[in-house]
Amino acid sequence: MKASRRPRNSPGFTLIEVVLALSIFALIGAVLYGAFSLSHSAVEKSQASYEANQKLRSFTDLLGSYIRSAHPYRPSAQDTTVFFDGQEEQLTFVSSISLAMGGRGMSKIRVAWEPAEEGEGAIQLEEEVPVRFNLSEDRDPGGLRNDVIIRERVKDFRFAYLDPKSEDERWEERWDGREKLALPRAVRLSYRDHNGKEIRWVFPVMMSVLAQ
């Protein structure tokens, strides 16, 4: 008995056609996977950039609120000096707001940069309420004190202070309220982040601006 043969025009696929189809499907899958991977990576980068920008905005909003509300605090009614100690890498002053107290009352603010390894350091903000001075070292001042790291991995951190009495725009590296008897017109903050990008902010001191 002879075996029956399939007609040439009968339905079905040859081995070459099957291999070619599988190759095409594999190529399409690779292209789709690559596109999905790139899209996912772009979303992650966009999210990371958004979060970094939000943190930077929160940092500048917090620090700016304190500096703009700087108060020409005098230890006593007879004292003509103003408490404002501005240096290149740290700043201590009295603000007319206290975020720890819900925005009410004055607070003593200290912002400092402490470099660590490879010239990088953290920016630390300290708020103390109530405002007290001339306390003995062995006496507990009480009150409330909050410390927070508002920026990490910072390089070349510098403060500068705008002289309100200067006709031209003159920035000074230090500002001592005991000598100047006034607040600076503005405070400039500059630094480099861990990527080497230069960041610069200028915060006006409203009490000094309104006095001009």
Protein backbone atom coordinates (compact mmCIF):
# COMPACT_ATOMS: atom_id res chain seq x y z
CA MET A 1 0.00 0.00 0.00
CA LYS A 2 1.36 3.44 -0.89
CA ALA A 3 1.38 6.24 1.72
CA SER A 4 -0.76 9.24 0.85
CA ARG A 5 1.03 12.50 0.19
CA ARG A 6 -0.16 15.93 1.23
CA PRO A 7 -1.01 18.13 -1.71
CA ARG A 8 1.28 21.07 -2.16
CA ASN A 9 -1.56 23.57 -1.83
CA SER A 10 -2.87 22.08 1.45
CA PRO A 11 -2.93 24.39 4.56
CA GLY A 12 0.10 24.35 6.94
CA PHE A 13 3.55 25.89 7.54
CA THR A 14 6.95 24.77 6.59
CA LEU A 15 9.81 24.69 9.08
CA ILE A 16 11.40 27.76 7.49
CA GLU A 17 8.17 29.74 7.83
CA VAL A 18 7.83 28.78 11.51
CA VAL A 19 11.42 29.79 12.27
CA LEU A 20 10.97 33.08 10.38
CA ALA A 21 7.76 33.87 12.27
CA LEU A 22 9.38 33.12 15.63
CA SER A 23 12.33 35.34 14.73
CA ILE A 24 9.99 38.21 13.82
CA PHE A 25 8.05 37.81 17.08
CA ALA A 26 11.31 37.73 19.07
CA LEU A 27 12.51 40.90 17.32
CA ILE A 28 9.22 42.69 17.99
CA GLY A 29 9.36 41.60 21.64
CA ALA A 30 12.90 42.89 22.00
CA VAL A 31 11.92 46.25 20.48
CA LEU A 32 8.86 46.55 22.75
CA TYR A 33 10.91 45.61 25.83
CA GLY A 34 13.57 48.18 24.94
CA ALA A 35 10.93 50.88 24.47
CA PHE A 36 9.28 49.97 27.79
CA SER A 37 12.62 49.97 29.58
CA LEU A 38 13.54 53.40 28.20
CA SER A 39 10.12 54.76 29.10
CA HIS A 40 10.38 53.38 32.65
CA SER A 41 13.88 54.82 33.05
CA ALA A 42 12.70 58.22 31.82
CA VAL A 43 9.81 58.17 34.31
CA GLU A 44 12.17 57.31 37.17
CA LYS A 45 14.56 60.09 36.22
CA SER A 46 11.70 62.55 35.92
CA GLN A 47 10.36 61.52 39.33
CA ALA A 48 13.81 61.81 40.92
CA SER A 49 14.28 65.26 39.38
CA TYR A 50 10.85 66.35 40.61
CA GLU A 51 11.57 65.15 44.15
CA ALA A 52 14.96 66.90 44.15
CA ASN A 53 13.34 70.14 42.99
CA GLN A 54 10.66 69.83 45.64
CA LYS A 55 13.27 69.34 48.36
CA LEU A 56 15.22 72.36 47.10
CA ARG A 57 12.05 74.45 47.06
CA SER A 58 11.16 73.34 50.59
CA PHE A 59 14.67 74.19 51.77
CA THR A 60 14.63 77.67 50.25
CA ASP A 61 11.08 78.36 51.44
CA LEU A 62 11.99 77.41 55.01
CA LEU A 63 15.23 79.35 55.17
CA GLY A 64 13.78 82.28 53.24
CA SER A 65 10.88 82.60 55.68
CA TYR A 66 13.25 82.97 58.60
CA ILE A 67 15.64 85.42 56.91
CA ARG A 68 12.94 87.63 55.43
CA SER A 69 11.47 87.91 58.92
CA ALA A 70 14.76 88.78 60.63
CA HIS A 71 14.12 91.11 63.57
CA PRO A 72 16.46 93.85 64.90
CA TYR A 73 16.48 92.28 68.34
CA ARG A 74 18.08 94.21 71.21
CA PRO A 75 18.93 92.45 74.48
CA SER A 76 17.57 95.41 76.44
CA ALA A 77 15.75 98.69 75.85
CA GLN A 78 18.92 100.64 76.66
CA ASP A 79 21.07 98.60 74.28
CA THR A 80 21.56 100.14 70.81
CA THR A 81 23.23 97.06 69.33
CA VAL A 82 21.35 94.60 67.14
CA PHE A 83 21.74 90.86 67.50
CA PHE A 84 22.80 89.59 64.09
CA ASP A 85 25.96 87.50 63.74
CA GLY A 86 26.64 86.81 60.09
CA GLN A 87 29.76 84.97 58.98
CA GLU A 88 30.78 83.17 55.81
CA GLU A 89 29.80 79.68 56.91
CA GLN A 90 27.21 80.36 59.60
CA LEU A 91 24.51 82.83 60.50
CA THR A 92 22.77 83.47 63.83
CA PHE A 93 19.92 85.95 64.23
CA VAL A 94 16.47 86.47 65.69
CA SER A 95 13.43 85.95 63.49
CA SER A 96 9.97 87.35 64.16
CA ILE A 97 8.39 83.97 63.36
CA SER A 98 8.71 80.55 64.92
CA LEU A 99 7.62 77.62 62.79
CA ALA A 100 7.89 75.34 65.82
CA MET A 101 5.22 77.50 67.50
CA GLY A 102 2.99 77.62 64.45
CA GLY A 103 4.43 80.85 63.09
CA ARG A 104 3.79 82.86 66.25
CA GLY A 105 6.44 84.47 68.43
CA MET A 106 10.13 85.14 67.94
CA SER A 107 12.84 82.52 67.64
CA LYS A 108 16.61 82.38 67.64
CA ILE A 109 17.85 80.90 64.36
CA ARG A 110 21.24 79.44 63.57
CA VAL A 111 22.20 78.19 60.10
CA ALA A 112 25.61 76.57 59.74
CA TRP A 113 27.57 74.51 57.24
CA GLU A 114 29.98 71.94 58.63
CA PRO A 115 32.35 70.50 55.99
CA ALA A 116 33.30 66.85 56.29
CA GLU A 117 35.09 64.53 53.87
CA GLU A 118 36.22 65.79 50.46
CA GLY A 119 34.98 69.29 51.23
CA GLU A 120 31.33 68.22 51.35
CA GLY A 121 29.11 68.96 54.30
CA ALA A 122 25.56 69.41 55.51
CA ILE A 123 23.58 72.60 56.08
CA GLN A 124 22.06 72.50 59.54
CA LEU A 125 19.27 74.73 60.79
CA GLU A 126 18.53 75.23 64.47
CA GLU A 127 15.51 77.01 65.93
CA GLU A 128 15.37 77.94 69.60
CA VAL A 129 12.42 79.39 71.52
CA PRO A 130 12.07 81.48 73.56
CA VAL A 131 14.87 83.90 72.68
CA ARG A 132 17.34 84.10 75.57
CA PHE A 133 20.84 85.51 75.94
CA ASN A 134 23.56 85.87 78.56
CA LEU A 135 22.77 82.58 80.27
CA SER A 136 25.44 80.92 82.36
CA GLU A 137 26.93 77.77 80.88
CA ASP A 138 25.77 75.57 83.78
CA ARG A 139 22.18 76.74 83.57
CA ASP A 140 19.67 74.92 81.42
CA PRO A 141 17.94 77.52 79.23
CA GLY A 142 14.85 75.31 78.89
CA GLY A 143 12.44 76.13 76.13
CA LEU A 144 12.36 74.30 72.83
CA ARG A 145 15.18 73.63 70.40
CA ASN A 146 14.84 71.92 67.02
CA ASP A 147 17.73 70.81 64.82
CA VAL A 148 17.25 69.71 61.22
CA ILE A 149 19.55 68.92 58.28
CA ILE A 150 18.11 70.87 55.38
CA ARG A 151 20.70 70.04 52.73
CA GLU A 152 23.42 67.38 52.43
CA ARG A 153 26.55 66.91 50.29
CA VAL A 154 27.11 70.64 49.83
CA LYS A 155 30.39 72.25 48.76
CA ASP A 156 31.75 75.82 48.77
CA PHE A 157 29.01 77.11 51.05
CA ARG A 158 29.07 80.88 51.57
CA PHE A 159 26.92 83.61 53.09
CA ALA A 160 27.20 87.25 52.00
CA TYR A 161 25.43 90.35 53.31
CA LEU A 162 24.22 93.42 51.42
CA ASP A 163 25.09 96.73 53.06
CA PRO A 164 21.94 98.93 53.19
CA LYS A 165 23.98 102.13 53.51
CA SER A 166 26.07 101.55 50.42
CA GLU A 167 25.06 103.44 47.28
CA ASP A 168 26.39 100.69 45.08
CA GLU A 169 25.57 97.01 45.60
CA ARG A 170 28.28 96.00 48.02
CA TRP A 171 28.25 92.53 49.55
CA GLU A 172 30.25 91.85 52.69
CA GLU A 173 31.59 88.54 53.98
CA ARG A 174 30.67 89.30 57.61
CA TRP A 175 27.92 91.26 59.32
CA ASP A 176 28.08 92.00 63.04
CA GLY A 177 24.99 93.77 64.33
CA ARG A 178 26.90 95.01 67.36
CA GLU A 179 29.14 97.05 65.06
CA LYS A 180 26.71 97.88 62.25
CA LEU A 181 23.78 98.70 64.59
CA ALA A 182 21.44 97.53 61.84
CA LEU A 183 20.38 94.51 59.82
CA PRO A 184 21.75 93.85 56.32
CA ARG A 185 19.46 94.65 53.45
CA ALA A 186 19.66 91.10 52.08
CA VAL A 187 21.41 87.79 52.66
CA ARG A 188 22.94 85.87 49.77
CA LEU A 189 23.46 82.13 50.00
CA SER A 190 25.61 80.25 47.49
CA TYR A 191 26.95 76.70 47.29
CA ARG A 192 27.59 73.79 44.95
CA ASP A 193 25.62 70.57 45.10
CA HIS A 194 27.13 67.07 44.81
CA ASN A 195 26.92 67.32 41.01
CA GLY A 196 28.96 70.54 40.97
CA LYS A 197 25.97 72.73 40.04
CA GLU A 198 26.15 76.22 41.52
CA ILE A 199 23.10 77.29 43.54
CA ARG A 200 22.55 80.89 44.56
CA TRP A 201 19.68 82.50 46.43
CA VAL A 202 19.13 86.07 47.64
CA PHE A 203 16.74 86.68 50.52
CA PRO A 204 15.73 90.28 51.31
CA VAL A 205 15.49 91.28 54.97
CA MET A 206 12.12 92.99 55.00
CA MET A 207 12.69 95.08 58.16
CA SER A 208 15.77 96.59 56.55
CA VAL A 209 14.15 97.04 53.14
CA LEU A 210 11.12 98.84 54.60
CA ALA A 211 13.42 101.13 56.62
CA GLN A 212 15.10 102.46 53.47
